[in-house]
PDB file of N, CA and C in Angstrom:
ATOM      1  N   MET A   1     -49.695 -36.527 236.769  1.00  0.00           N
ATOM      2  CA  MET A   1     -49.470 -38.059 236.297  1.00  0.00           C
ATOM      3  C   MET A   1     -49.918 -38.200 235.044  1.00  0.00           C
ATOM      4  N   ARG A   2     -49.563 -39.165 234.134  1.00  0.00           N
ATOM      5  CA  ARG A   2     -50.189 -39.807 233.139  1.00  0.00           C
ATOM      6  C   ARG A   2     -51.246 -40.668 233.366  1.00  0.00           C
ATOM      7  N   ILE A   3     -52.058 -40.997 232.527  1.00  0.00           N
ATOM      8  CA  ILE A   3     -53.066 -41.752 232.589  1.00  0.00           C
ATOM      9  C   ILE A   3     -52.968 -43.241 232.985  1.00  0.00           C
ATOM     10  N   GLY A   4     -51.793 -43.573 232.595  1.00  0.00           N
ATOM     11  CA  GLY A   4     -51.386 -45.444 232.956  1.00  0.00           C
ATOM     12  C   GLY A   4     -50.841 -45.269 234.250  1.00  0.00           C
ATOM     13  N   GLU A   5     -50.190 -44.414 234.788  1.00  0.00           N
ATOM     14  CA  GLU A   5     -49.559 -44.232 236.362  1.00  0.00           C
ATOM     15  C   GLU A   5     -50.983 -44.331 237.009  1.00  0.00           C
ATOM     16  N   LEU A   6     -51.689 -43.391 236.924  1.00  0.00           N
ATOM     17  CA  LEU A   6     -53.096 -43.461 237.772  1.00  0.00           C
ATOM     18  C   LEU A   6     -53.973 -44.628 237.417  1.00  0.00           C
ATOM     19  N   ALA A   7     -53.954 -45.111 236.367  1.00  0.00           N
ATOM     20  CA  ALA A   7     -54.884 -46.342 236.309  1.00  0.00           C
ATOM     21  C   ALA A   7     -54.341 -47.415 237.299  1.00  0.00           C
ATOM     22  N   ARG A   8     -52.565 -47.418 237.068  1.00  0.00           N
ATOM     23  CA  ARG A   8     -51.541 -48.607 237.981  1.00  0.00           C
ATOM     24  C   ARG A   8     -52.140 -48.110 239.669  1.00  0.00           C
ATOM     25  N   ILE A   9     -51.857 -46.962 239.746  1.00  0.00           N
ATOM     26  CA  ILE A   9     -52.105 -46.865 241.101  1.00  0.00           C
ATOM     27  C   ILE A   9     -53.535 -46.718 242.053  1.00  0.00           C
ATOM     28  N   THR A  10     -54.493 -46.610 241.220  1.00  0.00           N
ATOM     29  CA  THR A  10     -56.043 -46.949 241.662  1.00  0.00           C
ATOM     30  C   THR A  10     -56.714 -48.401 240.912  1.00  0.00           C
ATOM     31  N   GLY A  11     -55.995 -48.934 240.308  1.00  0.00           N
ATOM     32  CA  GLY A  11     -56.780 -50.160 240.022  1.00  0.00           C
ATOM     33  C   GLY A  11     -58.015 -49.873 239.010  1.00  0.00           C
ATOM     34  N   ALA A  12     -57.845 -48.762 238.447  1.00  0.00           N
ATOM     35  CA  ALA A  12     -58.988 -48.772 237.475  1.00  0.00           C
ATOM     36  C   ALA A  12     -58.128 -48.165 236.257  1.00  0.00           C
ATOM     37  N   SER A  13     -58.770 -48.927 234.942  1.00  0.00           N
ATOM     38  CA  SER A  13     -58.364 -49.022 234.039  1.00  0.00           C
ATOM     39  C   SER A  13     -58.238 -47.744 233.269  1.00  0.00           C
ATOM     40  N   PRO A  14     -57.606 -47.198 231.931  1.00  0.00           N
ATOM     41  CA  PRO A  14     -57.302 -45.968 231.554  1.00  0.00           C
ATOM     42  C   PRO A  14     -58.765 -46.010 230.711  1.00  0.00           C
ATOM     43  N   ARG A  15     -59.468 -46.894 230.223  1.00  0.00           N
ATOM     44  CA  ARG A  15     -61.023 -46.510 229.819  1.00  0.00           C
ATOM     45  C   ARG A  15     -61.863 -46.002 230.850  1.00  0.00           C
ATOM     46  N   ALA A  16     -61.670 -46.904 231.932  1.00  0.00           N
ATOM     47  CA  ALA A  16     -62.762 -46.120 233.289  1.00  0.00           C
ATOM     48  C   ALA A  16     -62.221 -45.090 233.358  1.00  0.00           C
ATOM     49  N   LEU A  17     -60.810 -44.844 233.892  1.00  0.00           N
ATOM     50  CA  LEU A  17     -60.814 -42.917 233.891  1.00  0.00           C
ATOM     51  C   LEU A  17     -61.265 -41.976 232.861  1.00  0.00           C
ATOM     52  N   ARG A  18     -61.212 -42.255 231.492  1.00  0.00           N
ATOM     53  CA  ARG A  18     -61.550 -41.327 230.406  1.00  0.00           C
ATOM     54  C   ARG A  18     -62.822 -41.020 230.868  1.00  0.00           C
ATOM     55  N   HIS A  19     -63.477 -42.534 230.810  1.00  0.00           N
ATOM     56  CA  HIS A  19     -65.204 -42.516 231.164  1.00  0.00           C
ATOM     57  C   HIS A  19     -65.802 -41.439 232.441  1.00  0.00           C
ATOM     58  N   TYR A  20     -64.841 -41.435 233.353  1.00  0.00           N
ATOM     59  CA  TYR A  20     -65.145 -40.961 234.622  1.00  0.00           C
ATOM     60  C   TYR A  20     -64.736 -39.419 234.080  1.00  0.00           C
ATOM     61  N   GLU A  21     -64.284 -39.018 233.418  1.00  0.00           N
ATOM     62  CA  GLU A  21     -63.980 -37.911 232.923  1.00  0.00           C
ATOM     63  C   GLU A  21     -64.825 -37.272 232.404  1.00  0.00           C
ATOM     64  N   ARG A  22     -65.009 -38.167 231.193  1.00  0.00           N
ATOM     65  CA  ARG A  22     -66.628 -37.800 230.248  1.00  0.00           C
ATOM     66  C   ARG A  22     -67.153 -37.442 231.358  1.00  0.00           C
ATOM     67  N   GLU A  23     -67.906 -38.071 232.288  1.00  0.00           N
ATOM     68  CA  GLU A  23     -69.272 -37.754 232.611  1.00  0.00           C
ATOM     69  C   GLU A  23     -68.935 -36.659 233.977  1.00  0.00           C
ATOM     70  N   GLY A  24     -67.606 -36.331 234.187  1.00  0.00           N
ATOM     71  CA  GLY A  24     -67.167 -34.803 234.860  1.00  0.00           C
ATOM     72  C   GLY A  24     -66.648 -35.119 236.157  1.00  0.00           C
ATOM     73  N   LEU A  25     -66.712 -36.635 236.534  1.00  0.00           N
ATOM     74  CA  LEU A  25     -66.567 -36.920 237.929  1.00  0.00           C
ATOM     75  C   LEU A  25     -64.657 -36.847 238.371  1.00  0.00           C
ATOM     76  N   ILE A  26     -63.697 -36.892 236.896  1.00  0.00           N
ATOM     77  CA  ILE A  26     -62.238 -36.355 237.097  1.00  0.00           C
ATOM     78  C   ILE A  26     -62.330 -35.429 236.237  1.00  0.00           C
ATOM     79  N   ALA A  27     -60.895 -34.747 236.108  1.00  0.00           N
ATOM     80  CA  ALA A  27     -60.465 -33.634 235.223  1.00  0.00           C
ATOM     81  C   ALA A  27     -59.114 -33.747 234.983  1.00  0.00           C
ATOM     82  N   SER A  28     -58.608 -33.624 233.681  1.00  0.00           N
ATOM     83  CA  SER A  28     -57.544 -33.702 233.389  1.00  0.00           C
ATOM     84  C   SER A  28     -57.104 -32.522 232.401  1.00  0.00           C
ATOM     85  N   GLU A  29     -55.838 -32.352 232.291  1.00  0.00           N
ATOM     86  CA  GLU A  29     -55.118 -31.300 231.545  1.00  0.00           C
ATOM     87  C   GLU A  29     -54.535 -31.877 230.383  1.00  0.00           C
ATOM     88  N   ARG A  30     -54.002 -31.186 229.538  1.00  0.00           N
ATOM     89  CA  ARG A  30     -53.445 -31.746 228.265  1.00  0.00           C
ATOM     90  C   ARG A  30     -51.955 -30.990 228.134  1.00  0.00           C
ATOM     91  N   GLY A  31     -51.277 -32.137 228.203  1.00  0.00           N
ATOM     92  CA  GLY A  31     -49.338 -31.723 227.990  1.00  0.00           C
ATOM     93  C   GLY A  31     -48.982 -31.235 227.027  1.00  0.00           C
ATOM     94  N   ALA A  32     -47.739 -30.771 226.747  1.00  0.00           N
ATOM     95  CA  ALA A  32     -47.918 -30.245 225.590  1.00  0.00           C
ATOM     96  C   ALA A  32     -47.568 -31.485 224.454  1.00  0.00           C
ATOM     97  N   ASN A  33     -47.593 -32.699 225.163  1.00  0.00           N
ATOM     98  CA  ASN A  33     -47.558 -33.842 223.737  1.00  0.00           C
ATOM     99  C   ASN A  33     -49.385 -34.136 223.246  1.00  0.00           C
ATOM    100  N   GLY A  34     -49.966 -33.665 224.131  1.00  0.00           N
ATOM    101  CA  GLY A  34     -51.512 -33.893 223.939  1.00  0.00           C
ATOM    102  C   GLY A  34     -51.999 -34.800 225.036  1.00  0.00           C
ATOM    103  N   TYR A  35     -51.001 -35.239 225.688  1.00  0.00           N
ATOM    104  CA  TYR A  35     -51.501 -36.565 226.880  1.00  0.00           C
ATOM    105  C   TYR A  35     -52.135 -35.636 228.159  1.00  0.00           C
ATOM    106  N   ARG A  36     -53.043 -36.774 228.011  1.00  0.00           N
ATOM    107  CA  ARG A  36     -53.832 -36.303 229.488  1.00  0.00           C
ATOM    108  C   ARG A  36     -52.850 -35.953 230.540  1.00  0.00           C
ATOM    109  N   VAL A  37     -52.929 -35.092 232.000  1.00  0.00           N
ATOM    110  CA  VAL A  37     -52.059 -35.147 232.819  1.00  0.00           C
ATOM    111  C   VAL A  37     -52.946 -34.780 233.956  1.00  0.00           C
ATOM    112  N   TYR A  38     -52.972 -35.584 235.069  1.00  0.00           N
ATOM    113  CA  TYR A  38     -53.728 -35.210 236.099  1.00  0.00           C
ATOM    114  C   TYR A  38     -52.841 -35.084 237.452  1.00  0.00           C
ATOM    115  N   ASP A  39     -53.728 -34.589 238.322  1.00  0.00           N
ATOM    116  CA  ASP A  39     -53.152 -33.974 239.271  1.00  0.00           C
ATOM    117  C   ASP A  39     -53.324 -35.269 240.252  1.00  0.00           C
ATOM    118  N   ALA A  40     -51.802 -35.245 241.495  1.00  0.00           N
ATOM    119  CA  ALA A  40     -51.733 -36.280 242.151  1.00  0.00           C
ATOM    120  C   ALA A  40     -53.126 -37.113 243.232  1.00  0.00           C
ATOM    121  N   ARG A  41     -53.829 -35.445 243.485  1.00  0.00           N
ATOM    122  CA  ARG A  41     -55.235 -35.882 244.584  1.00  0.00           C
ATOM    123  C   ARG A  41     -56.098 -36.664 243.598  1.00  0.00           C
ATOM    124  N   THR A  42     -56.057 -36.592 242.485  1.00  0.00           N
ATOM    125  CA  THR A  42     -56.925 -37.138 241.858  1.00  0.00           C
ATOM    126  C   THR A  42     -57.191 -38.602 241.892  1.00  0.00           C
ATOM    127  N   ALA A  43     -56.200 -39.308 241.926  1.00  0.00           N
ATOM    128  CA  ALA A  43     -56.616 -40.890 242.400  1.00  0.00           C
ATOM    129  C   ALA A  43     -56.845 -41.118 243.486  1.00  0.00           C
ATOM    130  N   VAL A  44     -57.192 -40.171 245.042  1.00  0.00           N
ATOM    131  CA  VAL A  44     -58.185 -40.105 246.030  1.00  0.00           C
ATOM    132  C   VAL A  44     -59.845 -40.120 245.558  1.00  0.00           C
ATOM    133  N   ARG A  45     -59.925 -39.201 244.456  1.00  0.00           N
ATOM    134  CA  ARG A  45     -61.084 -39.493 243.900  1.00  0.00           C
ATOM    135  C   ARG A  45     -61.519 -40.518 243.180  1.00  0.00           C
ATOM    136  N   VAL A  46     -60.592 -41.239 242.281  1.00  0.00           N
ATOM    137  CA  VAL A  46     -60.705 -42.584 241.625  1.00  0.00           C
ATOM    138  C   VAL A  46     -61.149 -43.351 242.737  1.00  0.00           C
ATOM    139  N   ARG A  47     -60.269 -43.477 243.702  1.00  0.00           N
ATOM    140  CA  ARG A  47     -60.648 -44.583 244.849  1.00  0.00           C
ATOM    141  C   ARG A  47     -61.958 -44.631 245.420  1.00  0.00           C
ATOM    142  N   ASN A  48     -62.471 -43.150 245.404  1.00  0.00           N
ATOM    143  CA  ASN A  48     -63.583 -43.214 246.204  1.00  0.00           C
ATOM    144  C   ASN A  48     -64.838 -43.437 245.062  1.00  0.00           C
ATOM    145  N   ILE A  49     -64.166 -43.374 244.450  1.00  0.00           N
ATOM    146  CA  ILE A  49     -65.575 -43.257 243.199  1.00  0.00           C
ATOM    147  C   ILE A  49     -65.272 -45.384 243.183  1.00  0.00           C
ATOM    148  N   ARG A  50     -64.347 -45.650 242.611  1.00  0.00           N
ATOM    149  CA  ARG A  50     -64.194 -46.983 242.589  1.00  0.00           C
ATOM    150  C   ARG A  50     -65.097 -47.637 244.160  1.00  0.00           C
ATOM    151  N   HIS A  51     -64.981 -47.062 244.943  1.00  0.00           N
ATOM    152  CA  HIS A  51     -65.218 -47.358 246.217  1.00  0.00           C
ATOM    153  C   HIS A  51     -66.943 -47.505 246.226  1.00  0.00           C
ATOM    154  N   LEU A  52     -67.220 -46.488 245.928  1.00  0.00           N
ATOM    155  CA  LEU A  52     -69.252 -45.945 245.814  1.00  0.00           C
ATOM    156  C   LEU A  52     -69.598 -47.052 244.535  1.00  0.00           C
ATOM    157  N   LEU A  53     -69.120 -47.495 243.159  1.00  0.00           N
ATOM    158  CA  LEU A  53     -69.445 -48.504 242.527  1.00  0.00           C
ATOM    159  C   LEU A  53     -69.267 -50.185 243.175  1.00  0.00           C
ATOM    160  N   THR A  54     -68.037 -50.088 243.640  1.00  0.00           N
ATOM    161  CA  THR A  54     -68.055 -51.605 244.054  1.00  0.00           C
ATOM    162  C   THR A  54     -69.369 -51.622 245.203  1.00  0.00           C
ATOM    163  N   ALA A  55     -69.891 -50.538 245.840  1.00  0.00           N
ATOM    164  CA  ALA A  55     -70.638 -50.585 246.790  1.00  0.00           C
ATOM    165  C   ALA A  55     -72.303 -50.763 246.097  1.00  0.00           C
ATOM    166  N   GLY A  56     -72.344 -50.789 245.385  1.00  0.00           N
ATOM    167  CA  GLY A  56     -73.087 -51.092 244.403  1.00  0.00           C
ATOM    168  C   GLY A  56     -74.413 -50.020 243.647  1.00  0.00           C
ATOM    169  N   LEU A  57     -73.207 -48.798 244.055  1.00  0.00           N
ATOM    170  CA  LEU A  57     -73.729 -47.554 243.431  1.00  0.00           C
ATOM    171  C   LEU A  57     -73.642 -47.365 242.072  1.00  0.00           C
ATOM    172  N   THR A  58     -74.628 -46.633 240.863  1.00  0.00           N
ATOM    173  CA  THR A  58     -73.853 -46.122 239.530  1.00  0.00           C
ATOM    174  C   THR A  58     -73.347 -44.858 239.865  1.00  0.00           C
ATOM    175  N   LEU A  59     -73.058 -45.002 238.637  1.00  0.00           N
ATOM    176  CA  LEU A  59     -72.281 -43.734 238.172  1.00  0.00           C
ATOM    177  C   LEU A  59     -73.133 -42.221 238.532  1.00  0.00           C
ATOM    178  N   ALA A  60     -74.184 -42.142 237.948  1.00  0.00           N
ATOM    179  CA  ALA A  60     -75.393 -41.357 238.709  1.00  0.00           C
ATOM    180  C   ALA A  60     -75.441 -41.094 240.116  1.00  0.00           C
ATOM    181  N   ASP A  61     -75.179 -41.968 240.676  1.00  0.00           N
ATOM    182  CA  ASP A  61     -75.662 -42.102 242.075  1.00  0.00           C
ATOM    183  C   ASP A  61     -74.240 -41.523 242.643  1.00  0.00           C
ATOM    184  N   VAL A  62     -72.858 -41.504 241.863  1.00  0.00           N
ATOM    185  CA  VAL A  62     -71.996 -41.171 242.587  1.00  0.00           C
ATOM    186  C   VAL A  62     -71.598 -39.790 242.435  1.00  0.00           C
ATOM    187  N   ARG A  63     -72.209 -39.122 240.968  1.00  0.00           N
ATOM    188  CA  ARG A  63     -72.155 -37.727 240.825  1.00  0.00           C
ATOM    189  C   ARG A  63     -72.938 -37.139 242.082  1.00  0.00           C
ATOM    190  N   CYS A  64     -73.760 -37.756 242.801  1.00  0.00           N
ATOM    191  CA  CYS A  64     -74.607 -36.727 243.588  1.00  0.00           C
ATOM    192  C   CYS A  64     -73.292 -36.883 245.206  1.00  0.00           C
ATOM    193  N   PHE A  65     -72.465 -37.546 245.273  1.00  0.00           N
ATOM    194  CA  PHE A  65     -71.360 -37.461 245.888  1.00  0.00           C
ATOM    195  C   PHE A  65     -69.847 -36.470 245.776  1.00  0.00           C
ATOM    196  N   THR A  66     -70.194 -35.793 244.780  1.00  0.00           N
ATOM    197  CA  THR A  66     -68.766 -35.061 243.886  1.00  0.00           C
ATOM    198  C   THR A  66     -68.317 -34.104 245.092  1.00  0.00           C
ATOM    199  N   ALA A  67     -69.321 -33.394 246.314  1.00  0.00           N
ATOM    200  CA  ALA A  67     -69.007 -32.957 247.014  1.00  0.00           C
ATOM    201  C   ALA A  67     -67.476 -33.571 247.831  1.00  0.00           C
ATOM    202  N   CYS A  68     -67.848 -34.392 248.493  1.00  0.00           N
ATOM    203  CA  CYS A  68     -66.817 -35.325 249.353  1.00  0.00           C
ATOM    204  C   CYS A  68     -66.115 -36.248 248.819  1.00  0.00           C
ATOM    205  N   LEU A  69     -65.622 -36.342 247.208  1.00  0.00           N
ATOM    206  CA  LEU A  69     -65.154 -37.393 246.841  1.00  0.00           C
ATOM    207  C   LEU A  69     -63.653 -37.139 246.840  1.00  0.00           C
ATOM    208  N   ASP A  70     -62.852 -35.922 247.770  1.00  0.00           N
ATOM    209  CA  ASP A  70     -61.907 -35.404 247.609  1.00  0.00           C
ATOM    210  C   ASP A  70     -61.301 -35.965 248.763  1.00  0.00           C
ATOM    211  N   GLY A  71     -61.970 -36.496 249.838  1.00  0.00           N
ATOM    212  CA  GLY A  71     -61.584 -36.330 251.270  1.00  0.00           C
ATOM    213  C   GLY A  71     -61.403 -37.855 251.326  1.00  0.00           C
ATOM    214  N   ASP A  72     -61.571 -38.367 253.245  1.00  0.00           N
ATOM    215  CA  ASP A  72     -61.534 -40.125 253.220  1.00  0.00           C
ATOM    216  C   ASP A  72     -63.085 -40.143 253.333  1.00  0.00           C
ATOM    217  N   LEU A  73     -63.646 -40.565 252.123  1.00  0.00           N
ATOM    218  CA  LEU A  73     -65.032 -41.252 252.134  1.00  0.00           C
ATOM    219  C   LEU A  73     -65.156 -42.420 252.950  1.00  0.00           C
ATOM    220  N   THR A  74     -64.285 -43.221 253.571  1.00  0.00           N
ATOM    221  CA  THR A  74     -64.453 -44.679 253.894  1.00  0.00           C
ATOM    222  C   THR A  74     -65.073 -44.268 255.248  1.00  0.00           C
ATOM    223  N   THR A  75     -64.372 -42.855 255.799  1.00  0.00           N
ATOM    224  CA  THR A  75     -64.497 -43.125 257.573  1.00  0.00           C
ATOM    225  C   THR A  75     -65.442 -41.750 257.959  1.00  0.00           C
ATOM    226  N   ALA A  76     -65.815 -40.867 256.554  1.00  0.00           N
ATOM    227  CA  ALA A  76     -66.397 -39.705 257.074  1.00  0.00           C
ATOM    228  C   ALA A  76     -68.378 -40.229 257.285  1.00  0.00           C
ATOM    229  N   PRO A  77     -69.017 -39.298 258.081  1.00  0.00           N
ATOM    230  CA  PRO A  77     -69.835 -39.922 258.694  1.00  0.00           C
ATOM    231  C   PRO A  77     -70.988 -39.804 257.359  1.00  0.00           C
ATOM    232  N   PRO A  78     -71.718 -40.629 257.228  1.00  0.00           N
ATOM    233  CA  PRO A  78     -72.636 -40.541 255.869  1.00  0.00           C
ATOM    234  C   PRO A  78     -73.382 -39.063 255.501  1.00  0.00           C
ATOM    235  N   SER A  79     -73.828 -38.596 254.546  1.00  0.00           N
ATOM    236  CA  SER A  79     -74.985 -37.321 254.613  1.00  0.00           C
ATOM    237  C   SER A  79     -76.293 -38.255 254.806  1.00  0.00           C
ATOM    238  N   ALA A  80     -77.526 -37.325 254.766  1.00  0.00           N
ATOM    239  CA  ALA A  80     -78.992 -37.642 254.584  1.00  0.00           C
ATOM    240  C   ALA A  80     -78.895 -38.070 253.376  1.00  0.00           C
ATOM    241  N   GLU A  81     -78.692 -36.682 252.415  1.00  0.00           N
ATOM    242  CA  GLU A  81     -78.530 -36.937 250.702  1.00  0.00           C
ATOM    243  C   GLU A  81     -77.903 -38.461 250.604  1.00  0.00           C
ATOM    244  N   GLY A  82     -76.895 -39.056 250.808  1.00  0.00           N
ATOM    245  CA  GLY A  82     -76.563 -40.230 250.577  1.00  0.00           C
ATOM    246  C   GLY A  82     -76.476 -41.495 250.985  1.00  0.00           C
ATOM    247  N   LEU A  83     -77.241 -41.513 252.242  1.00  0.00           N
ATOM    248  CA  LEU A  83     -77.808 -42.132 252.827  1.00  0.00           C
ATOM    249  C   LEU A  83     -79.197 -42.902 251.923  1.00  0.00           C
ATOM    250  N   ARG A  84     -79.660 -42.137 251.802  1.00  0.00           N
ATOM    251  CA  ARG A  84     -81.038 -41.890 250.996  1.00  0.00           C
ATOM    252  C   ARG A  84     -81.208 -42.743 249.878  1.00  0.00           C
ATOM    253  N   ILE A  85     -79.758 -42.111 248.801  1.00  0.00           N
ATOM    254  CA  ILE A  85     -79.420 -42.554 247.420  1.00  0.00           C
ATOM    255  C   ILE A  85     -78.982 -44.453 247.775  1.00  0.00           C
ATOM    256  N   ALA A  86     -78.346 -44.429 248.742  1.00  0.00           N
ATOM    257  CA  ALA A  86     -77.881 -45.904 248.968  1.00  0.00           C
ATOM    258  C   ALA A  86     -79.413 -46.944 249.204  1.00  0.00           C
ATOM    259  N   ARG A  87     -80.087 -46.288 250.069  1.00  0.00           N
ATOM    260  CA  ARG A  87     -81.081 -46.897 250.307  1.00  0.00           C
ATOM    261  C   ARG A  87     -81.981 -47.631 249.269  1.00  0.00           C
ATOM    262  N   GLU A  88     -82.144 -46.249 248.317  1.00  0.00           N
ATOM    263  CA  GLU A  88     -82.607 -46.050 247.059  1.00  0.00           C
ATOM    264  C   GLU A  88     -82.467 -47.394 246.352  1.00  0.00           C
ATOM    265  N   ARG A  89     -80.985 -47.505 246.046  1.00  0.00           N
ATOM    266  CA  ARG A  89     -80.370 -47.977 245.206  1.00  0.00           C
ATOM    267  C   ARG A  89     -80.377 -49.688 245.794  1.00  0.00           C
ATOM    268  N   LEU A  90     -80.103 -49.783 247.113  1.00  0.00           N
ATOM    269  CA  LEU A  90     -80.468 -51.251 247.976  1.00  0.00           C
ATOM    270  C   LEU A  90     -81.588 -51.841 247.668  1.00  0.00           C
ATOM    271  N   ALA A  91     -82.860 -50.896 247.711  1.00  0.00           N
ATOM    272  CA  ALA A  91     -84.058 -51.414 246.990  1.00  0.00           C
ATOM    273  C   ALA A  91     -84.328 -51.800 246.113  1.00  0.00           C
ATOM    274  N   ALA A  92     -83.751 -50.978 244.792  1.00  0.00           N
ATOM    275  CA  ALA A  92     -83.486 -51.075 243.385  1.00  0.00           C
ATOM    276  C   ALA A  92     -83.421 -52.732 243.133  1.00  0.00           C
ATOM    277  N   ILE A  93     -82.010 -52.706 243.766  1.00  0.00           N
ATOM    278  CA  ILE A  93     -81.028 -54.347 243.701  1.00  0.00           C
ATOM    279  C   ILE A  93     -82.025 -55.631 244.030  1.00  0.00           C
ATOM    280  N   ASP A  94     -82.850 -55.053 245.426  1.00  0.00           N
ATOM    281  CA  ASP A  94     -83.934 -56.130 246.181  1.00  0.00           C
ATOM    282  C   ASP A  94     -84.705 -56.511 245.175  1.00  0.00           C
ATOM    283  N   GLU A  95     -85.149 -55.401 244.559  1.00  0.00           N
ATOM    284  CA  GLU A  95     -86.485 -55.529 243.661  1.00  0.00           C
ATOM    285  C   GLU A  95     -86.224 -56.436 242.092  1.00  0.00           C
ATOM    286  N   ARG A  96     -84.682 -56.087 241.768  1.00  0.00           N
ATOM    287  CA  ARG A  96     -84.211 -57.351 240.689  1.00  0.00           C
ATOM    288  C   ARG A  96     -83.582 -58.576 240.858  1.00  0.00           C
ATOM    289  N   ILE A  97     -83.565 -58.787 242.643  1.00  0.00           N
ATOM    290  CA  ILE A  97     -83.065 -59.872 243.234  1.00  0.00           C
ATOM    291  C   ILE A  97     -84.720 -60.626 243.116  1.00  0.00           C
ATOM    292  N   ALA A  98     -85.100 -60.000 243.227  1.00  0.00           N
ATOM    293  CA  ALA A  98     -86.849 -61.004 243.618  1.00  0.00           C
ATOM    294  C   ALA A  98     -87.246 -61.135 242.499  1.00  0.00           C
ATOM    295  N   ALA A  99     -87.236 -60.661 241.328  1.00  0.00           N
ATOM    296  CA  ALA A  99     -87.748 -60.432 240.078  1.00  0.00           C
ATOM    297  C   ALA A  99     -86.850 -62.350 239.763  1.00  0.00           C
ATOM    298  N   GLN A 100     -85.755 -61.779 239.485  1.00  0.00           N
ATOM    299  CA  GLN A 100     -84.840 -63.278 239.274  1.00  0.00           C
ATOM    300  C   GLN A 100     -85.127 -64.169 239.587  1.00  0.00           C
ATOM    301  N   THR A 101     -85.491 -64.325 241.043  1.00  0.00           N
ATOM    302  CA  THR A 101     -85.648 -65.229 242.132  1.00  0.00           C
ATOM    303  C   THR A 101     -87.124 -65.727 241.363  1.00  0.00           C
ATOM    304  N   GLU A 102     -88.482 -64.707 241.417  1.00  0.00           N
ATOM    305  CA  GLU A 102     -89.524 -65.844 240.839  1.00  0.00           C
ATOM    306  C   GLU A 102     -89.064 -66.363 239.087  1.00  0.00           C
ATOM    307  N   ALA A 103     -88.733 -65.494 238.544  1.00  0.00           N
ATOM    308  CA  ALA A 103     -88.339 -65.956 237.154  1.00  0.00           C
ATOM    309  C   ALA A 103     -87.555 -67.606 237.506  1.00  0.00           C
ATOM    310  N   ARG A 104     -86.748 -67.545 238.030  1.00  0.00           N
ATOM    311  CA  ARG A 104     -85.635 -68.869 238.600  1.00  0.00           C
ATOM    312  C   ARG A 104     -86.721 -70.064 238.833  1.00  0.00           C
ATOM    313  N   ASP A 105     -87.932 -69.665 239.780  1.00  0.00           N
ATOM    314  CA  ASP A 105     -88.542 -70.558 240.558  1.00  0.00           C
ATOM    315  C   ASP A 105     -89.826 -71.057 239.305  1.00  0.00           C
ATOM    316  N   ARG A 106     -90.089 -69.985 238.391  1.00  0.00           N
ATOM    317  CA  ARG A 106     -91.084 -70.615 237.163  1.00  0.00           C
ATOM    318  C   ARG A 106     -90.973 -71.565 236.278  1.00  0.00           C
ATOM    319  N   LEU A 107     -88.956 -71.448 236.125  1.00  0.00           N
ATOM    320  CA  LEU A 107     -88.384 -71.631 235.229  1.00  0.00           C
ATOM    321  C   LEU A 107     -88.192 -73.254 235.876  1.00  0.00           C
ATOM    322  N   ALA A 108     -88.044 -73.196 237.312  1.00  0.00           N
ATOM    323  CA  ALA A 108     -87.869 -74.511 237.683  1.00  0.00           C
ATOM    324  C   ALA A 108     -89.512 -75.550 237.954  1.00  0.00           C
ATOM    325  N   ARG A 109     -90.328 -74.905 238.106  1.00  0.00           N
ATOM    326  CA  ARG A 109     -91.599 -75.615 237.901  1.00  0.00           C
ATOM    327  C   ARG A 109     -91.903 -76.175 236.899  1.00  0.00           C
ATOM    328  N   ALA A 110     -91.323 -75.120 235.542  1.00  0.00           N
ATOM    329  CA  ALA A 110     -91.860 -75.888 234.310  1.00  0.00           C
ATOM    330  C   ALA A 110     -90.915 -77.010 234.100  1.00  0.00           C
ATOM    331  N   LEU A 111     -89.627 -76.989 234.383  1.00  0.00           N
ATOM    332  CA  LEU A 111     -89.189 -78.377 233.992  1.00  0.00           C
ATOM    333  C   LEU A 111     -89.272 -79.518 234.586  1.00  0.00           C
ATOM    334  N   ASP A 112     -89.990 -78.712 235.868  1.00  0.00           N
ATOM    335  CA  ASP A 112     -90.046 -80.323 237.092  1.00  0.00           C
ATOM    336  C   ASP A 112     -91.496 -80.790 236.462  1.00  0.00           C
ATOM    337  N   ALA A 113     -92.549 -80.444 235.754  1.00  0.00           N
ATOM    338  CA  ALA A 113     -93.506 -80.634 234.735  1.00  0.00           C
ATOM    339  C   ALA A 113     -93.435 -81.714 234.041  1.00  0.00           C
ATOM    340  N   VAL A 114     -92.637 -81.102 233.185  1.00  0.00           N
ATOM    341  CA  VAL A 114     -92.080 -81.962 232.060  1.00  0.00           C
ATOM    342  C   VAL A 114     -91.245 -83.248 232.075  1.00  0.00           C
ATOM    343  N   ALA A 115     -90.180 -82.619 233.007  1.00  0.00           N
ATOM    344  CA  ALA A 115     -89.009 -83.836 233.253  1.00  0.00           C
ATOM    345  C   ALA A 115     -88.984 -83.801 234.926  1.00  0.00           C
ATOM    346  N   PRO A 116     -89.365 -84.408 235.747  1.00  0.00           N
ATOM    347  CA  PRO A 116     -88.964 -84.565 236.915  1.00  0.00           C
ATOM    348  C   PRO A 116     -87.506 -84.925 237.331  1.00  0.00           C
ATOM    349  N   ALA A 117     -86.870 -84.324 238.397  1.00  0.00           N
ATOM    350  CA  ALA A 117     -85.842 -84.511 238.874  1.00  0.00           C
ATOM    351  C   ALA A 117     -85.657 -85.854 239.223  1.00  0.00           C
ATOM    352  N   GLY A 118     -84.242 -86.677 238.736  1.00  0.00           N
ATOM    353  CA  GLY A 118     -83.987 -87.914 239.579  1.00  0.00           C
ATOM    354  C   GLY A 118     -84.199 -89.124 238.356  1.00  0.00           C
TER     355      GLY A 118
END
């Protein structure tokens, strides 16, 4: 299938698909006309990549899951490595949220000091 069809059935943009390919997560062959041609099984891989990205992982994290991207990722039991990566990503997100909350609180205090609400 061509990139437009793969994009349509997976919900990924053609730009994202080209990015996944540059990152080595999916592969294509070139047709005689030079267009990318993807195997039908690539759709499963793309859906799994998108599932992991939506869950909060990065493409670097997703690379660690390449061995299981072609199966039913949503029902497969998680690996110890997968759980470790997910926990590390969650901790990083929690740290960013805490830092943003602190910045918000400092700004709110500063505003209250110069112009109390009400």
